[in-house]
Structures are given as structure tokens and as C-alpha cells.
Amino acid sequence: MPLHIKSVAVNIAVTCFFCVSMIGWISGLTPFTCCKRALVGAVLAYIAGAWAVRGVNAILVSAMVTNEMNEQEEENSDDRD
């Protein structure tokens, strides 16, 4: 079953937001700078995560279709015998 793109991408973006903001805070940046960088990082992570999940979904769907076609071919060859 294909993955839900939006929920996975949002989870990745939220995780990235907090990671980038913690790195900025530890580095001694101002809170506003940390927020801006974390927000940009989260947006980029959302886009990258959505593309990655779409790619994984394409691979999963292709594998499911191939598997179904192989099963139907086996059934058809069993009927001929």
C-alpha cells in the first residue's frame, strides 16, 4: 500500500525544524535567526520528503503491479495444463 505523502513529509519537516533550531541555539544565534533558518530548513525538508515519498510510492506500486501480473501469468499457465 502506498505511503501517505503529506503525513510523512510533515513529520520530516517538523523533525528538521527542531533539529536546525537546536543547532542554531547551541551555536549561540539569536532566536529570530534560529527561527528563520529552521523555517527555511523545514520547508526544504518538506519538499525533499514529499519527493522521496513519491519516489518510494512509485517503486512500491510498480512492484505490486509486477507481482500481480506474475501471479496472473502463473494462474493462466496452470489453466492451460
Protein backbone atom coordinates (compact mmCIF):
# COMPACT_ATOMS: atom_id res chain seq x y z
CA MET A 1 0.00 0.00 0.00
CA PRO A 2 1.41 3.40 -0.93
CA LEU A 3 2.52 5.76 1.82
CA HIS A 4 0.67 8.97 2.65
CA ILE A 5 2.84 11.74 1.23
CA LYS A 6 1.61 14.64 3.34
CA SER A 7 1.88 12.98 6.74
CA VAL A 8 5.37 11.61 6.12
CA ALA A 9 6.61 14.92 4.69
CA VAL A 10 5.18 16.87 7.64
CA ASN A 11 6.89 14.53 10.12
CA ILE A 12 10.20 15.01 8.32
CA ALA A 13 9.74 18.80 8.22
CA VAL A 14 8.88 19.08 11.92
CA THR A 15 11.86 16.95 12.88
CA CYS A 16 14.13 19.04 10.67
CA PHE A 17 12.72 22.28 12.13
CA PHE A 18 13.58 21.30 15.69
CA CYS A 19 16.98 19.88 14.75
CA VAL A 20 18.00 23.04 12.89
CA SER A 21 16.66 25.30 15.63
CA MET A 22 18.55 23.36 18.32
CA ILE A 23 21.77 23.54 16.30
CA GLY A 24 21.31 27.30 15.90
CA TRP A 25 20.55 27.74 19.59
CA ILE A 26 23.61 25.73 20.62
CA SER A 27 25.71 27.82 18.19
CA GLY A 28 24.63 30.98 20.00
CA LEU A 29 22.47 32.55 17.31
CA THR A 30 19.62 34.87 18.18
CA PRO A 31 16.16 33.30 18.46
CA PHE A 32 14.89 35.16 15.38
CA THR A 33 17.80 33.90 13.28
CA CYS A 34 17.28 30.35 14.57
CA CYS A 35 13.59 30.54 13.68
CA LYS A 36 14.22 31.84 10.17
CA ARG A 37 16.84 29.19 9.42
CA ALA A 38 14.73 26.43 10.95
CA LEU A 39 11.70 27.51 8.92
CA VAL A 40 13.67 27.51 5.67
CA GLY A 41 15.13 24.12 6.58
CA ALA A 42 11.68 22.74 7.36
CA VAL A 43 10.26 23.94 4.03
CA LEU A 44 13.16 22.40 2.13
CA ALA A 45 12.83 19.17 4.15
CA TYR A 46 9.09 19.06 3.38
CA ILE A 47 9.74 19.38 -0.35
CA ALA A 48 12.55 16.81 -0.30
CA GLY A 49 10.50 14.44 1.84
CA ALA A 50 7.49 14.70 -0.45
CA TRP A 51 9.64 13.93 -3.49
CA ALA A 52 11.27 11.00 -1.71
CA VAL A 53 7.91 9.53 -0.67
CA ARG A 54 6.59 9.93 -4.22
CA GLY A 55 9.60 8.01 -5.47
CA VAL A 56 9.11 5.26 -2.89
CA ASN A 57 5.41 5.08 -3.79
CA ALA A 58 6.27 4.72 -7.49
CA ILE A 59 8.61 1.83 -6.68
CA LEU A 60 6.03 0.17 -4.41
CA VAL A 61 3.23 0.47 -6.96
CA SER A 62 5.47 -0.87 -9.71
CA ALA A 63 6.42 -3.86 -7.57
CA MET A 64 2.78 -4.56 -6.70
CA VAL A 65 1.74 -4.42 -10.36
CA THR A 66 4.60 -6.70 -11.40
CA ASN A 67 3.74 -9.16 -8.64
CA GLU A 68 0.07 -9.20 -9.66
CA MET A 69 0.97 -9.73 -13.31
CA ASN A 70 3.26 -12.64 -12.39
CA GLU A 71 0.50 -14.24 -10.32
CA GLN A 72 -1.97 -13.93 -13.19
CA GLU A 73 0.53 -15.44 -15.61
CA GLU A 74 1.04 -18.39 -13.26
CA GLU A 75 -2.72 -18.90 -12.99
CA ASN A 76 -3.09 -18.77 -16.76
CA SER A 77 -0.29 -21.28 -17.30
CA ASP A 78 -1.87 -23.63 -14.72
CA ASP A 79 -5.21 -23.45 -16.56
CA ARG A 80 -3.60 -24.48 -19.85
CA ASP A 81 -2.07 -27.66 -18.45
